[in-house]
């Protein structure tokens, strides 16, 4: 995970790393969510909050076994002891949609709205938010049973390790160095991700601070009908386009030349009609120093210079960084559970943990980015952390 970077610790501070990490959970009414999903209806103590905290903790600090996880709950502040068998039973039996609800309510909390606003101001050259849509495969390390929706005891299919696993589809806000999940869908690994695009856009539309974002997505979502639909809905987007795609060039707007230490590159700005759609778009063609061309299709107006269009699209790489961080530093692909409900419960708890990590590191500007913050959370859990600012 790279070089150890120590952070200033003040033992006089009353708040521990663990308490600070969980502090955002207070913005969500976990008890009401538990009631809505009848968690604890038939037991005297449902312990949903502790179960949630343990599952989130496991997401950012994976255990080799349930016994090891139980030992940690016995030694880590903010957690009440939970036997490994109890954690396994609750994770498998409790409706995963409860933590999905909690995840989305967390994203809509006033604290995260404020944090997104602060981060937006740091990108002073761009006045609008940018939302990237992308997907990745989650490899499963153990068999996962998929039950019948009507009869839970009937197993329809077993996803085996080595198969395509699950497909993780994500919409995320990507402004500058900030990245924030906004919508998530999970599908069988054999399903093509473009089918999930509209679901993710619907998730994005409910955020009050994202009333007019610029959407960026890669070739996995190429669909001419989608391009036309987005344009008719007055939604701006940028995506790559095959350089040999069938288009009619209606107007050659301008050529731009960029010269620096890397050499001279050329940009071509055109107004085109996309083949057989009768819809006009803007195409930016970038020619690198080796004369290789990359083409971008967009609905952005000429108020955005060609270089700015490409710079905005480049922000999409923040989603790839998010995927890499989830796979390298969290428990997004490794589960103790072998039921589909348990796997989904843990995936969304891990996503909650990732949001809490981002919240934690923005409140306490630790060095080392997400990896450094996770390292601090793992190694300093019971230690008081100096409050910054």
Protein backbone atom coordinates (compact mmCIF):
# COMPACT_ATOMS: atom_id res chain seq x y z
CA UNK A 1 0.00 0.00 0.00
CA UNK A 2 3.01 2.27 -0.38
CA UNK A 3 5.12 4.20 2.10
CA UNK A 4 3.76 4.60 5.62
CA UNK A 5 2.72 8.22 6.18
CA UNK A 6 2.04 9.09 9.79
CA UNK A 7 -0.61 11.65 10.65
CA UNK A 8 -0.59 14.05 13.60
CA UNK A 9 -2.33 12.42 16.55
CA UNK A 10 -3.43 14.35 19.62
CA UNK A 11 -4.14 12.12 22.60
CA UNK A 12 -6.08 14.96 24.27
CA UNK A 13 -8.78 14.81 21.60
CA UNK A 14 -11.87 13.00 22.95
CA UNK A 15 -12.87 11.59 19.58
CA UNK A 16 -11.28 8.36 18.36
CA UNK A 17 -10.60 7.44 14.75
CA UNK A 18 -13.40 4.88 14.94
CA UNK A 19 -15.90 7.41 16.28
CA UNK A 20 -14.96 9.96 13.61
CA UNK A 21 -15.24 7.32 10.90
CA UNK A 22 -18.78 6.41 11.96
CA UNK A 23 -19.91 9.98 12.72
CA UNK A 24 -21.74 10.46 9.41
CA UNK A 25 -24.01 7.50 10.16
CA UNK A 26 -25.82 9.75 12.64
CA UNK A 27 -27.23 11.62 9.63
CA UNK A 28 -29.38 8.59 8.77
CA UNK A 29 -32.27 7.22 10.82
CA UNK A 30 -31.16 3.60 10.93
CA UNK A 31 -33.93 2.62 13.34
CA UNK A 32 -36.69 3.78 10.96
CA UNK A 33 -35.07 1.84 8.12
CA UNK A 34 -34.92 -1.25 10.33
CA UNK A 35 -38.63 -0.83 11.13
CA UNK A 36 -39.53 -0.42 7.45
CA UNK A 37 -37.84 -3.71 6.62
CA UNK A 38 -39.23 -5.46 9.72
CA UNK A 39 -35.75 -6.08 11.10
CA UNK A 40 -36.18 -7.26 14.65
CA UNK A 41 -39.96 -7.68 14.42
CA UNK A 42 -39.69 -11.16 15.91
CA UNK A 43 -36.74 -10.59 18.25
CA UNK A 44 -36.33 -8.56 21.42
CA UNK A 45 -33.09 -6.99 20.18
CA UNK A 46 -32.47 -6.55 16.49
CA UNK A 47 -29.07 -4.81 16.94
CA UNK A 48 -29.23 -3.39 13.40
CA UNK A 49 -26.91 -0.44 14.08
CA UNK A 50 -24.14 -2.65 15.49
CA UNK A 51 -24.63 -5.17 12.69
CA UNK A 52 -24.32 -2.35 10.19
CA UNK A 53 -21.19 -0.98 11.85
CA UNK A 54 -19.56 -4.42 11.93
CA UNK A 55 -20.35 -5.03 8.25
CA UNK A 56 -19.03 -1.59 7.27
CA UNK A 57 -15.90 -2.17 9.37
CA UNK A 58 -15.37 -5.53 7.65
CA UNK A 59 -15.70 -3.75 4.31
CA UNK A 60 -12.71 -1.48 4.93
CA UNK A 61 -10.73 -3.86 7.18
CA UNK A 62 -11.35 -7.41 5.87
CA UNK A 63 -10.87 -10.35 8.22
CA UNK A 64 -9.43 -13.70 7.20
CA UNK A 65 -12.17 -15.49 9.10
CA UNK A 66 -15.39 -14.86 11.02
CA UNK A 67 -13.54 -15.79 14.22
CA UNK A 68 -11.03 -13.00 13.56
CA UNK A 69 -13.87 -10.57 12.88
CA UNK A 70 -15.50 -11.55 16.19
CA UNK A 71 -12.22 -10.91 18.04
CA UNK A 72 -11.99 -7.45 16.50
CA UNK A 73 -15.52 -6.54 17.59
CA UNK A 74 -14.42 -7.44 21.12
CA UNK A 75 -11.37 -5.15 21.05
CA UNK A 76 -12.38 -2.20 18.84
CA UNK A 77 -14.22 0.77 20.33
CA UNK A 78 -17.57 1.75 18.75
CA UNK A 79 -18.35 -1.95 18.13
CA UNK A 80 -20.19 -4.35 20.41
CA UNK A 81 -19.04 -7.97 20.44
CA UNK A 82 -20.71 -10.08 17.75
CA UNK A 83 -20.00 -13.80 17.35
CA UNK A 84 -18.97 -14.83 13.85
CA UNK A 85 -21.97 -17.17 13.56
CA UNK A 86 -24.32 -14.33 14.52
CA UNK A 87 -22.78 -11.99 11.95
CA UNK A 88 -23.07 -14.68 9.26
CA UNK A 89 -26.70 -15.46 10.12
CA UNK A 90 -27.80 -11.81 10.22
CA UNK A 91 -25.99 -10.93 6.99
CA UNK A 92 -27.58 -13.84 5.15
CA UNK A 93 -31.08 -13.37 6.59
CA UNK A 94 -31.61 -9.60 6.74
CA UNK A 95 -33.00 -8.01 3.60
CA UNK A 96 -30.06 -6.41 1.76
CA UNK A 97 -32.39 -3.65 0.54
CA UNK A 98 -32.24 -2.15 4.04
CA UNK A 99 -28.58 -1.22 3.59
CA UNK A 100 -29.26 -0.10 0.01
CA UNK A 101 -31.82 2.33 1.44
CA UNK A 102 -29.34 3.46 4.08
CA UNK A 103 -26.63 3.94 1.44
CA UNK A 104 -28.81 6.23 -0.67
CA UNK A 105 -30.13 8.19 2.31
CA UNK A 106 -26.52 8.72 3.36
CA UNK A 107 -25.69 10.12 -0.09
CA UNK A 108 -28.59 12.58 0.34
CA UNK A 109 -27.54 13.73 3.81
CA UNK A 110 -27.02 17.50 4.32
CA UNK A 111 -23.41 16.82 5.31
CA UNK A 112 -22.55 15.24 1.97
CA UNK A 113 -24.47 17.89 0.03
CA UNK A 114 -22.33 20.49 1.78
CA UNK A 115 -19.13 18.55 1.14
CA UNK A 116 -19.92 18.22 -2.56
CA UNK A 117 -20.55 21.97 -2.74
CA UNK A 118 -17.18 22.74 -1.17
CA UNK A 119 -15.41 20.36 -3.56
CA UNK A 120 -17.21 21.86 -6.56
CA UNK A 121 -15.79 25.31 -5.79
CA UNK A 122 -12.26 23.93 -6.00
CA UNK A 123 -12.74 23.28 -9.73
CA UNK A 124 -12.97 26.93 -10.68
CA UNK A 125 -12.71 26.49 -14.46
CA UNK A 126 -15.88 24.40 -14.71
CA UNK A 127 -19.22 25.69 -13.44
CA UNK A 128 -21.18 22.44 -13.85
CA UNK A 129 -20.88 19.07 -12.17
CA UNK A 130 -19.59 16.11 -14.18
CA UNK A 131 -21.15 12.66 -13.78
CA UNK A 132 -19.32 9.61 -15.10
CA UNK A 133 -20.96 6.25 -15.79
CA UNK A 134 -18.87 3.11 -15.97
CA UNK A 135 -18.79 -0.55 -14.97
CA UNK A 136 -16.45 -3.29 -13.84
CA UNK A 137 -16.65 -6.98 -13.05
CA UNK A 138 -16.50 -8.17 -9.46
CA UNK A 139 -14.77 -11.53 -9.24
CA UNK A 140 -16.30 -13.86 -6.66
CA UNK A 141 -13.90 -15.94 -4.56
CA UNK A 142 -16.49 -18.52 -3.45
CA UNK A 143 -19.73 -20.03 -4.70
CA UNK A 144 -22.84 -17.85 -4.37
CA UNK A 145 -26.32 -19.37 -4.41
CA UNK A 146 -29.06 -17.48 -6.26
CA UNK A 147 -32.49 -18.38 -4.78
CA UNK A 148 -35.91 -18.24 -6.36
CA UNK A 149 -37.74 -14.97 -5.71
CA UNK A 150 -40.92 -16.85 -4.83
CA UNK A 151 -39.39 -19.71 -2.82
CA UNK A 152 -36.23 -18.84 -0.95
CA UNK A 153 -35.42 -22.49 -0.28
CA UNK A 154 -35.26 -23.21 -4.03
CA UNK A 155 -31.85 -22.52 -5.61
CA UNK A 156 -32.10 -21.38 -9.22
CA UNK A 157 -28.40 -21.06 -9.93
CA UNK A 158 -24.99 -21.15 -8.27
CA UNK A 159 -22.37 -18.63 -9.39
CA UNK A 160 -19.05 -20.44 -9.19
CA UNK A 161 -15.60 -18.85 -8.73
CA UNK A 162 -13.98 -18.40 -12.12
CA UNK A 163 -17.27 -17.46 -13.79
CA UNK A 164 -18.02 -13.86 -14.74
CA UNK A 165 -19.17 -13.01 -11.22
CA UNK A 166 -21.21 -9.83 -10.84
CA UNK A 167 -21.25 -6.72 -12.99
CA UNK A 168 -20.90 -3.54 -10.95
CA UNK A 169 -22.44 -0.51 -12.69
CA UNK A 170 -21.77 2.91 -11.24
CA UNK A 171 -22.64 6.56 -11.74
CA UNK A 172 -20.32 8.91 -9.85
CA UNK A 173 -19.70 12.61 -9.55
CA UNK A 174 -16.14 13.31 -10.72
CA UNK A 175 -15.10 16.91 -10.14
CA UNK A 176 -11.36 17.54 -10.13
CA UNK A 177 -9.78 15.18 -7.60
CA UNK A 178 -13.14 14.40 -5.97
CA UNK A 179 -15.21 11.31 -6.73
CA UNK A 180 -18.49 10.35 -5.16
CA UNK A 181 -20.77 7.37 -5.96
CA UNK A 182 -24.31 8.44 -6.84
CA UNK A 183 -25.99 5.33 -8.19
CA UNK A 184 -25.18 1.62 -8.25
CA UNK A 185 -26.70 -1.42 -9.91
CA UNK A 186 -25.49 -5.01 -9.78
CA UNK A 187 -26.27 -7.47 -12.56
CA UNK A 188 -25.09 -10.95 -13.57
CA UNK A 189 -21.60 -10.82 -15.06
CA UNK A 190 -22.90 -12.01 -18.43
CA UNK A 191 -25.27 -9.02 -18.82
CA UNK A 192 -24.11 -6.13 -20.98
CA UNK A 193 -23.76 -2.90 -19.01
CA UNK A 194 -25.58 -0.55 -21.45
CA UNK A 195 -28.87 -1.98 -20.20
CA UNK A 196 -28.21 -0.33 -16.84
CA UNK A 197 -27.42 3.14 -18.18
CA UNK A 198 -30.95 4.51 -17.86
CA UNK A 199 -31.34 3.17 -14.32
CA UNK A 200 -28.18 4.99 -13.26
CA UNK A 201 -29.29 8.23 -14.91
CA UNK A 202 -32.55 8.04 -12.95
CA UNK A 203 -30.54 7.74 -9.73
CA UNK A 204 -28.53 10.84 -10.63
CA UNK A 205 -31.59 12.94 -11.41
CA UNK A 206 -32.85 12.84 -7.82
CA UNK A 207 -29.85 14.78 -6.46
CA UNK A 208 -30.84 18.42 -5.94
CA UNK A 209 -27.28 19.68 -6.46
CA UNK A 210 -26.97 17.92 -9.83
CA UNK A 211 -29.68 19.69 -11.78
CA UNK A 212 -27.62 20.12 -14.96
CA UNK A 213 -24.58 17.82 -14.98
CA UNK A 214 -22.38 16.92 -17.93
CA UNK A 215 -22.46 13.15 -18.45
CA UNK A 216 -19.32 11.33 -19.57
CA UNK A 217 -19.17 7.64 -20.44
CA UNK A 218 -17.01 5.28 -22.48
CA UNK A 219 -17.56 3.09 -25.54
CA UNK A 220 -19.33 0.45 -23.46
CA UNK A 221 -22.42 2.67 -23.61
CA UNK A 222 -22.34 3.53 -27.32
CA UNK A 223 -25.93 3.69 -28.52
CA UNK A 224 -27.08 6.15 -31.21
CA UNK A 225 -30.67 6.08 -29.94
CA UNK A 226 -29.40 6.95 -26.46
CA UNK A 227 -27.41 9.89 -27.86
CA UNK A 228 -30.52 11.25 -29.55
CA UNK A 229 -32.67 10.68 -26.47
CA UNK A 230 -30.19 12.55 -24.25
CA UNK A 231 -30.11 15.44 -26.69
CA UNK A 232 -33.91 15.66 -26.84
CA UNK A 233 -33.94 15.76 -23.03
CA UNK A 234 -31.42 18.66 -23.14
CA UNK A 235 -28.83 16.58 -21.30
CA UNK A 236 -25.23 17.32 -22.19
CA UNK A 237 -22.80 14.46 -22.64
CA UNK A 238 -19.36 13.56 -23.99
CA UNK A 239 -18.34 10.10 -25.13
CA UNK A 240 -15.80 8.57 -27.52
CA UNK A 241 -16.91 7.87 -31.06
CA UNK A 242 -15.28 5.56 -33.55
CA UNK A 243 -13.20 7.67 -35.93
CA UNK A 244 -14.72 5.73 -38.85
CA UNK A 245 -18.32 6.17 -37.65
CA UNK A 246 -20.71 7.15 -40.43
CA UNK A 247 -21.37 10.88 -40.18
CA UNK A 248 -22.11 13.79 -42.47
CA UNK A 249 -19.90 16.77 -41.75
CA UNK A 250 -22.21 19.81 -41.91
CA UNK A 251 -19.68 22.44 -40.91
CA UNK A 252 -15.95 22.54 -40.26
CA UNK A 253 -15.91 24.97 -37.32
CA UNK A 254 -12.23 25.36 -36.46
CA UNK A 255 -8.79 23.78 -36.17
CA UNK A 256 -6.77 24.14 -33.00
CA UNK A 257 -3.06 23.51 -32.67
CA UNK A 258 -1.45 22.63 -29.33
CA UNK A 259 2.34 22.77 -29.02
CA UNK A 260 4.33 21.94 -25.91
CA UNK A 261 7.33 19.83 -24.87
CA UNK A 262 5.53 16.70 -26.09
CA UNK A 263 5.22 18.06 -29.62
CA UNK A 264 2.36 19.43 -31.71
CA UNK A 265 -1.18 18.05 -31.55
CA UNK A 266 -4.21 19.06 -33.61
CA UNK A 267 -7.87 19.42 -32.70
CA UNK A 268 -10.67 19.54 -35.26
CA UNK A 269 -14.05 20.97 -34.24
CA UNK A 270 -16.98 19.95 -36.45
CA UNK A 271 -20.75 20.07 -36.61
CA UNK A 272 -22.03 16.71 -37.86
CA UNK A 273 -25.14 14.66 -38.47
CA UNK A 274 -24.88 11.21 -36.97
CA UNK A 275 -25.63 8.47 -39.47
CA UNK A 276 -29.33 7.75 -40.05
CA UNK A 277 -30.46 9.68 -36.94
CA UNK A 278 -31.22 13.07 -38.53
CA UNK A 279 -29.76 14.62 -35.38
CA UNK A 280 -26.92 17.13 -35.29
CA UNK A 281 -24.05 16.86 -32.82
CA UNK A 282 -20.64 18.30 -32.28
CA UNK A 283 -17.56 16.18 -32.96
CA UNK A 284 -14.08 16.94 -31.63
CA UNK A 285 -11.27 15.00 -33.32
CA UNK A 286 -7.94 14.90 -31.51
CA UNK A 287 -4.80 14.00 -33.48
CA UNK A 288 -1.78 13.14 -31.34
CA UNK A 289 1.92 13.59 -32.18
CA UNK A 290 1.92 10.18 -33.93
CA UNK A 291 -1.06 11.20 -36.13
CA UNK A 292 -3.37 8.79 -34.28
CA UNK A 293 -6.91 10.15 -34.01
CA UNK A 294 -9.46 10.05 -31.20
CA UNK A 295 -12.97 11.33 -31.79
CA UNK A 296 -15.45 12.60 -29.20
CA UNK A 297 -19.18 13.13 -29.66
CA UNK A 298 -20.84 15.82 -27.55
CA UNK A 299 -23.88 18.05 -27.18
CA UNK A 300 -21.89 20.79 -25.44
CA UNK A 301 -22.20 24.18 -27.09
CA UNK A 302 -19.38 26.13 -28.71
CA UNK A 303 -19.09 27.98 -25.40
CA UNK A 304 -16.84 25.09 -24.40
CA UNK A 305 -13.54 25.16 -26.27
CA UNK A 306 -12.39 21.88 -27.88
CA UNK A 307 -9.61 21.54 -25.30
CA UNK A 308 -12.15 21.97 -22.50
CA UNK A 309 -14.38 19.24 -23.97
CA UNK A 310 -11.51 16.77 -23.86
CA UNK A 311 -10.47 17.92 -20.38
CA UNK A 312 -14.01 17.32 -19.11
CA UNK A 313 -14.09 13.84 -20.62
CA UNK A 314 -10.74 13.05 -19.00
CA UNK A 315 -12.39 13.45 -15.58
CA UNK A 316 -14.01 10.05 -16.28
CA UNK A 317 -10.73 8.40 -15.25
CA UNK A 318 -11.67 9.23 -11.64
CA UNK A 319 -14.21 6.37 -11.81
CA UNK A 320 -11.45 3.99 -12.83
CA UNK A 321 -9.47 5.15 -9.79
CA UNK A 322 -12.55 4.55 -7.62
CA UNK A 323 -12.90 1.00 -8.99
CA UNK A 324 -9.22 0.32 -8.35
CA UNK A 325 -9.44 1.61 -4.77
CA UNK A 326 -12.51 -0.50 -4.06
CA UNK A 327 -10.82 -3.64 -5.37
CA UNK A 328 -7.41 -3.06 -3.79
CA UNK A 329 -8.28 -1.58 -0.41
CA UNK A 330 -11.78 -2.80 0.51
CA UNK A 331 -13.69 -6.06 0.76
CA UNK A 332 -15.77 -5.46 -2.39
CA UNK A 333 -14.88 -8.84 -3.96
CA UNK A 334 -14.31 -11.11 -0.96
CA UNK A 335 -17.17 -12.37 1.17
CA UNK A 336 -17.75 -14.80 4.01
CA UNK A 337 -21.32 -15.27 2.80
CA UNK A 338 -22.37 -17.76 0.11
CA UNK A 339 -25.92 -16.48 -0.34
CA UNK A 340 -26.78 -13.79 -2.87
CA UNK A 341 -28.56 -11.73 -0.19
CA UNK A 342 -25.48 -11.89 2.02
CA UNK A 343 -23.18 -10.88 -0.83
CA UNK A 344 -25.36 -7.89 -1.75
CA UNK A 345 -25.65 -6.90 1.91
CA UNK A 346 -21.86 -6.84 2.19
CA UNK A 347 -21.26 -5.06 -1.13
CA UNK A 348 -23.48 -2.15 -0.12
CA UNK A 349 -22.00 -2.04 3.39
CA UNK A 350 -18.58 -1.81 1.74
CA UNK A 351 -19.83 1.07 -0.41
CA UNK A 352 -21.11 2.78 2.73
CA UNK A 353 -17.65 2.26 4.20
CA UNK A 354 -16.04 3.85 1.14
CA UNK A 355 -18.30 6.90 1.45
CA UNK A 356 -17.35 7.15 5.13
CA UNK A 357 -13.66 6.91 4.21
CA UNK A 358 -14.04 9.82 1.76
CA UNK A 359 -15.99 11.77 4.39
CA UNK A 360 -13.30 11.06 6.99
CA UNK A 361 -10.38 12.10 4.79
CA UNK A 362 -12.06 15.34 3.71
CA UNK A 363 -12.68 16.28 7.36
CA UNK A 364 -9.17 15.25 8.38
CA UNK A 365 -6.75 16.03 5.50
CA UNK A 366 -4.52 13.00 5.90
CA UNK A 367 -1.71 12.34 3.48
CA UNK A 368 -1.80 9.34 1.19
CA UNK A 369 -5.31 9.69 -0.26
CA UNK A 370 -7.79 6.85 0.19
CA UNK A 371 -5.07 4.20 0.82
CA UNK A 372 -3.47 6.34 3.53
CA UNK A 373 -6.85 7.06 5.14
CA UNK A 374 -7.80 3.37 5.19
CA UNK A 375 -4.42 2.56 6.69
CA UNK A 376 -5.04 5.12 9.46
CA UNK A 377 -8.52 3.69 10.10
CA UNK A 378 -7.12 0.17 10.34
CA UNK A 379 -4.11 0.93 12.54
CA UNK A 380 -5.37 3.83 14.70
CA UNK A 381 -8.98 2.80 15.30
CA UNK A 382 -8.96 3.23 19.10
CA UNK A 383 -6.60 6.24 19.00
CA UNK A 384 -7.71 9.85 19.33
CA UNK A 385 -7.23 11.81 16.12
CA UNK A 386 -6.40 15.49 16.14
CA UNK A 387 -9.23 17.65 14.79
CA UNK A 388 -8.16 19.79 11.84
CA UNK A 389 -9.34 23.26 10.89
